[in-house]
């Protein structure tokens, strides 16, 4: 990261900061949030989900790990919102756009955001990000809790703009939207 900002940041200013030396950064209402890096268990869970999702996705979709997403909740000249989900299922064209134009992945290019819920991030993942991803119009939000038996709660965007939560799935999770998927949650731990 190139230096600390002394004002609320836009998405463009946030993108110019670059990577932090350790951990990761997110942007909430222009405020830079720094967090420690994930634990080995968290990384293993994310990797396992990635390897399960990747071969099941049709060509227009791609799974990406640990990428900044502009939630598009503020005008470009105003303090912005950027989150870094553990995984996203996004339009493949978004990857090409970022490569060509720079900038961040956009919420409008994300079809599923996935967060690995751990004790240190439980409130952020289950309350703050639940609301922010819904406000950003991300159609699906999956929270994977790795404490105890691994479980997945799937949020699907409703007509009112909020998520409708599923019951917690354990063992396995199947979905038909955004495409047919089967996750073996018992392999995630």
C-alpha atoms as a PDB file:
ATOM      1  CA  UNK A   1       0.000   0.000   0.000  1.00  0.00           C
ATOM      2  CA  UNK A   2       1.467   3.314  -1.076  1.00  0.00           C
ATOM      3  CA  UNK A   3       0.440   5.388   1.924  1.00  0.00           C
ATOM      4  CA  UNK A   4      -2.371   6.332   4.229  1.00  0.00           C
ATOM      5  CA  UNK A   5      -5.093   8.614   2.956  1.00  0.00           C
ATOM      6  CA  UNK A   6      -6.107  11.684   4.938  1.00  0.00           C
ATOM      7  CA  UNK A   7      -9.617  11.860   3.459  1.00  0.00           C
ATOM      8  CA  UNK A   8     -12.488   9.554   2.513  1.00  0.00           C
ATOM      9  CA  UNK A   9     -11.520   7.563  -0.572  1.00  0.00           C
ATOM     10  CA  UNK A  10     -13.285   7.066  -3.879  1.00  0.00           C
ATOM     11  CA  UNK A  11     -13.065   3.657  -5.567  1.00  0.00           C
ATOM     12  CA  UNK A  12     -10.418   4.993  -7.982  1.00  0.00           C
ATOM     13  CA  UNK A  13      -8.271   6.276  -5.097  1.00  0.00           C
ATOM     14  CA  UNK A  14      -8.658   2.954  -3.285  1.00  0.00           C
ATOM     15  CA  UNK A  15      -7.603   1.019  -6.391  1.00  0.00           C
ATOM     16  CA  UNK A  16      -4.486   3.210  -6.705  1.00  0.00           C
ATOM     17  CA  UNK A  17      -3.330   2.286  -3.184  1.00  0.00           C
ATOM     18  CA  UNK A  18      -2.230  -1.189  -4.264  1.00  0.00           C
ATOM     19  CA  UNK A  19      -1.868  -4.258  -2.065  1.00  0.00           C
ATOM     20  CA  UNK A  20      -1.279  -4.109   1.682  1.00  0.00           C
ATOM     21  CA  UNK A  21       1.892  -5.766   2.959  1.00  0.00           C
ATOM     22  CA  UNK A  22       0.035  -8.232   5.165  1.00  0.00           C
ATOM     23  CA  UNK A  23      -3.634  -9.057   5.519  1.00  0.00           C
ATOM     24  CA  UNK A  24      -6.102  -7.281   3.271  1.00  0.00           C
ATOM     25  CA  UNK A  25      -7.984  -4.004   2.913  1.00  0.00           C
ATOM     26  CA  UNK A  26     -11.614  -3.142   2.214  1.00  0.00           C
ATOM     27  CA  UNK A  27     -13.360   0.203   1.742  1.00  0.00           C
ATOM     28  CA  UNK A  28     -16.579   1.149   3.554  1.00  0.00           C
ATOM     29  CA  UNK A  29     -18.053   4.599   2.928  1.00  0.00           C
ATOM     30  CA  UNK A  30     -14.604   5.775   1.883  1.00  0.00           C
ATOM     31  CA  UNK A  31     -12.957   4.476   5.065  1.00  0.00           C
ATOM     32  CA  UNK A  32     -10.071   2.059   4.689  1.00  0.00           C
ATOM     33  CA  UNK A  33     -10.471  -1.091   6.799  1.00  0.00           C
ATOM     34  CA  UNK A  34      -7.376  -3.208   7.364  1.00  0.00           C
ATOM     35  CA  UNK A  35      -7.721  -6.808   8.500  1.00  0.00           C
ATOM     36  CA  UNK A  36      -5.237  -9.550   9.305  1.00  0.00           C
ATOM     37  CA  UNK A  37      -4.721 -12.317   6.777  1.00  0.00           C
ATOM     38  CA  UNK A  38      -6.853 -15.452   6.919  1.00  0.00           C
ATOM     39  CA  UNK A  39      -6.017 -18.537   8.968  1.00  0.00           C
ATOM     40  CA  UNK A  40      -4.836 -21.786   7.359  1.00  0.00           C
ATOM     41  CA  UNK A  41      -8.289 -23.348   7.966  1.00  0.00           C
ATOM     42  CA  UNK A  42      -9.928 -20.386   6.235  1.00  0.00           C
ATOM     43  CA  UNK A  43      -7.563 -20.653   3.249  1.00  0.00           C
ATOM     44  CA  UNK A  44      -8.102 -24.403   2.944  1.00  0.00           C
ATOM     45  CA  UNK A  45     -11.888 -23.961   2.995  1.00  0.00           C
ATOM     46  CA  UNK A  46     -11.691 -21.290   0.305  1.00  0.00           C
ATOM     47  CA  UNK A  47      -9.411 -23.435  -1.860  1.00  0.00           C
ATOM     48  CA  UNK A  48     -11.665 -26.487  -1.542  1.00  0.00           C
ATOM     49  CA  UNK A  49     -14.739 -24.480  -2.541  1.00  0.00           C
ATOM     50  CA  UNK A  50     -12.828 -23.014  -5.490  1.00  0.00           C
ATOM     51  CA  UNK A  51     -11.798 -26.452  -6.735  1.00  0.00           C
ATOM     52  CA  UNK A  52     -15.346 -27.760  -6.380  1.00  0.00           C
ATOM     53  CA  UNK A  53     -16.932 -24.785  -8.151  1.00  0.00           C
ATOM     54  CA  UNK A  54     -14.475 -24.332 -11.024  1.00  0.00           C
ATOM     55  CA  UNK A  55     -15.281 -27.432 -13.122  1.00  0.00           C
ATOM     56  CA  UNK A  56     -19.047 -26.999 -12.661  1.00  0.00           C
ATOM     57  CA  UNK A  57     -19.354 -23.474 -14.048  1.00  0.00           C
ATOM     58  CA  UNK A  58     -20.523 -22.919 -17.626  1.00  0.00           C
ATOM     59  CA  UNK A  59     -18.314 -20.867 -19.947  1.00  0.00           C
ATOM     60  CA  UNK A  60     -19.772 -17.399 -19.313  1.00  0.00           C
ATOM     61  CA  UNK A  61     -18.953 -17.755 -15.580  1.00  0.00           C
ATOM     62  CA  UNK A  62     -15.670 -17.945 -13.689  1.00  0.00           C
ATOM     63  CA  UNK A  63     -14.804 -18.408 -10.008  1.00  0.00           C
ATOM     64  CA  UNK A  64     -12.235 -16.016  -8.532  1.00  0.00           C
ATOM     65  CA  UNK A  65     -10.632 -15.914  -5.103  1.00  0.00           C
ATOM     66  CA  UNK A  66      -9.906 -12.885  -2.975  1.00  0.00           C
ATOM     67  CA  UNK A  67     -10.618 -10.052  -5.446  1.00  0.00           C
ATOM     68  CA  UNK A  68     -11.742  -6.517  -4.711  1.00  0.00           C
ATOM     69  CA  UNK A  69     -15.313  -5.784  -5.783  1.00  0.00           C
ATOM     70  CA  UNK A  70     -16.600  -2.244  -6.288  1.00  0.00           C
ATOM     71  CA  UNK A  71     -20.069  -2.473  -4.760  1.00  0.00           C
ATOM     72  CA  UNK A  72     -21.167   0.451  -6.956  1.00  0.00           C
ATOM     73  CA  UNK A  73     -23.056   2.015  -4.039  1.00  0.00           C
ATOM     74  CA  UNK A  74     -21.709   5.537  -4.558  1.00  0.00           C
ATOM     75  CA  UNK A  75     -21.112   7.871  -7.501  1.00  0.00           C
ATOM     76  CA  UNK A  76     -17.531   7.658  -8.826  1.00  0.00           C
ATOM     77  CA  UNK A  77     -16.558  11.016  -7.283  1.00  0.00           C
ATOM     78  CA  UNK A  78     -17.900  10.114  -3.814  1.00  0.00           C
ATOM     79  CA  UNK A  79     -16.516   7.944  -0.979  1.00  0.00           C
ATOM     80  CA  UNK A  80     -16.868   4.355  -2.146  1.00  0.00           C
ATOM     81  CA  UNK A  81     -17.513   0.806  -1.018  1.00  0.00           C
ATOM     82  CA  UNK A  82     -15.268  -2.129  -1.914  1.00  0.00           C
ATOM     83  CA  UNK A  83     -15.361  -5.558  -0.349  1.00  0.00           C
ATOM     84  CA  UNK A  84     -13.114  -8.551  -0.925  1.00  0.00           C
ATOM     85  CA  UNK A  85     -15.240 -11.710  -0.804  1.00  0.00           C
ATOM     86  CA  UNK A  86     -13.390 -14.961  -0.258  1.00  0.00           C
ATOM     87  CA  UNK A  87     -14.785 -16.187  -3.583  1.00  0.00           C
ATOM     88  CA  UNK A  88     -16.966 -14.768  -6.313  1.00  0.00           C
ATOM     89  CA  UNK A  89     -18.677 -16.361  -9.249  1.00  0.00           C
ATOM     90  CA  UNK A  90     -18.538 -13.638 -11.872  1.00  0.00           C
ATOM     91  CA  UNK A  91     -19.023 -13.069 -15.556  1.00  0.00           C
ATOM     92  CA  UNK A  92     -15.900 -14.149 -17.450  1.00  0.00           C
ATOM     93  CA  UNK A  93     -16.145 -10.899 -19.422  1.00  0.00           C
ATOM     94  CA  UNK A  94     -15.460  -9.004 -16.170  1.00  0.00           C
ATOM     95  CA  UNK A  95     -12.007 -10.541 -15.918  1.00  0.00           C
ATOM     96  CA  UNK A  96     -11.250  -9.401 -19.476  1.00  0.00           C
ATOM     97  CA  UNK A  97     -12.594  -5.903 -18.736  1.00  0.00           C
ATOM     98  CA  UNK A  98     -10.388  -5.508 -15.659  1.00  0.00           C
ATOM     99  CA  UNK A  99      -7.366  -6.760 -17.610  1.00  0.00           C
ATOM    100  CA  UNK A 100      -8.030  -4.246 -20.427  1.00  0.00           C
ATOM    101  CA  UNK A 101      -9.245  -1.217 -18.444  1.00  0.00           C
ATOM    102  CA  UNK A 102      -7.882  -1.710 -14.951  1.00  0.00           C
ATOM    103  CA  UNK A 103      -9.975  -0.912 -11.921  1.00  0.00           C
ATOM    104  CA  UNK A 104     -11.950  -3.367  -9.836  1.00  0.00           C
ATOM    105  CA  UNK A 105     -14.482  -6.069 -10.504  1.00  0.00           C
ATOM    106  CA  UNK A 106     -17.969  -4.528 -10.299  1.00  0.00           C
ATOM    107  CA  UNK A 107     -20.872  -5.830  -8.224  1.00  0.00           C
ATOM    108  CA  UNK A 108     -22.976  -5.882 -11.399  1.00  0.00           C
ATOM    109  CA  UNK A 109     -20.528  -8.479 -12.795  1.00  0.00           C
ATOM    110  CA  UNK A 110     -20.803 -10.780  -9.756  1.00  0.00           C
ATOM    111  CA  UNK A 111     -23.518 -13.447  -9.600  1.00  0.00           C
ATOM    112  CA  UNK A 112     -22.457 -15.116  -6.310  1.00  0.00           C
ATOM    113  CA  UNK A 113     -20.390 -13.715  -3.435  1.00  0.00           C
ATOM    114  CA  UNK A 114     -19.050 -16.282  -0.956  1.00  0.00           C
ATOM    115  CA  UNK A 115     -17.695 -15.511   2.504  1.00  0.00           C
ATOM    116  CA  UNK A 116     -16.039 -18.002   4.850  1.00  0.00           C
ATOM    117  CA  UNK A 117     -17.483 -17.147   8.270  1.00  0.00           C
ATOM    118  CA  UNK A 118     -15.067 -17.350  11.191  1.00  0.00           C
ATOM    119  CA  UNK A 119     -15.471 -15.996  14.741  1.00  0.00           C
ATOM    120  CA  UNK A 120     -13.477 -12.813  14.027  1.00  0.00           C
ATOM    121  CA  UNK A 121     -15.649 -11.873  11.035  1.00  0.00           C
ATOM    122  CA  UNK A 122     -19.040 -13.296  12.031  1.00  0.00           C
ATOM    123  CA  UNK A 123     -20.839  -9.956  12.504  1.00  0.00           C
ATOM    124  CA  UNK A 124     -19.294  -8.398   9.401  1.00  0.00           C
ATOM    125  CA  UNK A 125     -20.132 -11.420   7.222  1.00  0.00           C
ATOM    126  CA  UNK A 126     -23.633 -12.104   8.549  1.00  0.00           C
ATOM    127  CA  UNK A 127     -24.882  -8.540   9.026  1.00  0.00           C
ATOM    128  CA  UNK A 128     -22.819  -5.849   7.264  1.00  0.00           C
ATOM    129  CA  UNK A 129     -21.890  -7.748   4.103  1.00  0.00           C
ATOM    130  CA  UNK A 130     -25.348  -9.371   3.952  1.00  0.00           C
ATOM    131  CA  UNK A 131     -26.846  -5.869   3.663  1.00  0.00           C
ATOM    132  CA  UNK A 132     -24.124  -4.387   1.438  1.00  0.00           C
ATOM    133  CA  UNK A 133     -24.122  -7.198  -1.133  1.00  0.00           C
ATOM    134  CA  UNK A 134     -27.928  -7.034  -1.302  1.00  0.00           C
ATOM    135  CA  UNK A 135     -27.838  -3.236  -1.710  1.00  0.00           C
ATOM    136  CA  UNK A 136     -25.280  -3.744  -4.499  1.00  0.00           C
ATOM    137  CA  UNK A 137     -27.632  -6.153  -6.289  1.00  0.00           C
ATOM    138  CA  UNK A 138     -25.443  -9.269  -6.055  1.00  0.00           C
ATOM    139  CA  UNK A 139     -28.024 -11.999  -6.839  1.00  0.00           C
ATOM    140  CA  UNK A 140     -26.624 -14.656  -4.473  1.00  0.00           C
ATOM    141  CA  UNK A 141     -24.664 -14.519  -1.222  1.00  0.00           C
ATOM    142  CA  UNK A 142     -23.402 -17.730   0.365  1.00  0.00           C
ATOM    143  CA  UNK A 143     -22.052 -17.777   3.914  1.00  0.00           C
ATOM    144  CA  UNK A 144     -19.963 -20.858   4.680  1.00  0.00           C
ATOM    145  CA  UNK A 145     -19.427 -21.384   8.408  1.00  0.00           C
ATOM    146  CA  UNK A 146     -16.392 -23.568   9.128  1.00  0.00           C
ATOM    147  CA  UNK A 147     -16.865 -23.711  12.916  1.00  0.00           C
ATOM    148  CA  UNK A 148     -18.146 -27.172  13.846  1.00  0.00           C
ATOM    149  CA  UNK A 149     -19.782 -29.096  11.043  1.00  0.00           C
ATOM    150  CA  UNK A 150     -19.348 -26.978   7.915  1.00  0.00           C
ATOM    151  CA  UNK A 151     -22.621 -25.325   6.928  1.00  0.00           C
ATOM    152  CA  UNK A 152     -23.791 -23.037   4.143  1.00  0.00           C
ATOM    153  CA  UNK A 153     -26.581 -20.472   4.289  1.00  0.00           C
ATOM    154  CA  UNK A 154     -27.604 -19.248   0.844  1.00  0.00           C
ATOM    155  CA  UNK A 155     -29.075 -15.799   0.406  1.00  0.00           C
ATOM    156  CA  UNK A 156     -31.052 -15.135  -2.759  1.00  0.00           C
ATOM    157  CA  UNK A 157     -31.991 -11.582  -3.716  1.00  0.00           C
ATOM    158  CA  UNK A 158     -35.735 -10.988  -3.445  1.00  0.00           C
ATOM    159  CA  UNK A 159     -37.982  -8.554  -5.275  1.00  0.00           C
ATOM    160  CA  UNK A 160     -37.725  -6.133  -2.340  1.00  0.00           C
ATOM    161  CA  UNK A 161     -33.935  -5.919  -2.764  1.00  0.00           C
ATOM    162  CA  UNK A 162     -33.103  -7.958   0.340  1.00  0.00           C
ATOM    163  CA  UNK A 163     -31.835 -11.507   0.631  1.00  0.00           C
ATOM    164  CA  UNK A 164     -34.041 -14.461   1.483  1.00  0.00           C
ATOM    165  CA  UNK A 165     -32.020 -16.892   3.584  1.00  0.00           C
ATOM    166  CA  UNK A 166     -32.126 -20.644   3.203  1.00  0.00           C
ATOM    167  CA  UNK A 167     -31.860 -22.991   6.128  1.00  0.00           C
ATOM    168  CA  UNK A 168     -28.295 -23.996   6.927  1.00  0.00           C
ATOM    169  CA  UNK A 169     -27.124 -26.839   4.689  1.00  0.00           C
ATOM    170  CA  UNK A 170     -24.632 -29.395   6.014  1.00  0.00           C
ATOM    171  CA  UNK A 171     -23.102 -32.332   4.179  1.00  0.00           C
ATOM    172  CA  UNK A 172     -24.042 -31.085   0.720  1.00  0.00           C
ATOM    173  CA  UNK A 173     -25.531 -28.099  -1.060  1.00  0.00           C
ATOM    174  CA  UNK A 174     -27.224 -28.099  -4.455  1.00  0.00           C
ATOM    175  CA  UNK A 175     -28.294 -25.094  -6.455  1.00  0.00           C
ATOM    176  CA  UNK A 176     -29.881 -24.539  -9.844  1.00  0.00           C
ATOM    177  CA  UNK A 177     -29.286 -20.793  -9.956  1.00  0.00           C
ATOM    178  CA  UNK A 178     -27.047 -19.286 -11.309  1.00  0.00           C
ATOM    179  CA  UNK A 179     -26.372 -22.758 -12.765  1.00  0.00           C
ATOM    180  CA  UNK A 180     -26.612 -26.374 -11.562  1.00  0.00           C
ATOM    181  CA  UNK A 181     -24.059 -26.826  -8.766  1.00  0.00           C
ATOM    182  CA  UNK A 182     -23.269 -29.428  -6.126  1.00  0.00           C
ATOM    183  CA  UNK A 183     -20.952 -28.631  -3.231  1.00  0.00           C
ATOM    184  CA  UNK A 184     -19.693 -31.336  -0.887  1.00  0.00           C
ATOM    185  CA  UNK A 185     -19.515 -29.347   2.342  1.00  0.00           C
ATOM    186  CA  UNK A 186     -18.113 -32.313   4.257  1.00  0.00           C
ATOM    187  CA  UNK A 187     -14.923 -31.951   2.164  1.00  0.00           C
ATOM    188  CA  UNK A 188     -14.482 -28.296   3.084  1.00  0.00           C
ATOM    189  CA  UNK A 189     -13.322 -28.814   6.689  1.00  0.00           C
END
